[in-house]
């Protein structure tokens, strides 16, 4: 706010000095005018077009489901297996190209140690795609 030193009653002036505001706005305008073209620069890349005429070979690979109960019993696609049978089956599946995906379903009361042993066995036998199945949150 500016004060008047000339006669006029000695009260404060109600006029705002806009010169500093205009100076700041002009500086910002110049900065944005310089930087805007730099941000809009895009690299042109020709993307390949997708075709579904020949489906990929991994589309028909079955998924192997390993279910683990709270007691530690392991099921291969709903068929009970022992630890030795699990290791031999995983070793056979690891040799296939492409490898099937392993989905591990653990009971809510299963100790993590048992799930960890199953996943470690799958990884040691050479399986690269090991995932977990859970119920979706409500």
Foldseek 3Di string as FASTA:
>chain_A
DDFDPDDPPRDRDPDDDCVVVVVVVVVVVVVCVVCVVVVPDDDDDDDDDDDPPDPDPCVPADAWEWEAEQVLFIDTNNHTDDPVRLLVVLLVQLPDVPRHAYEYEYDPNHDVVSVVVSVVSNVVSRDDHYYYDDDDDD
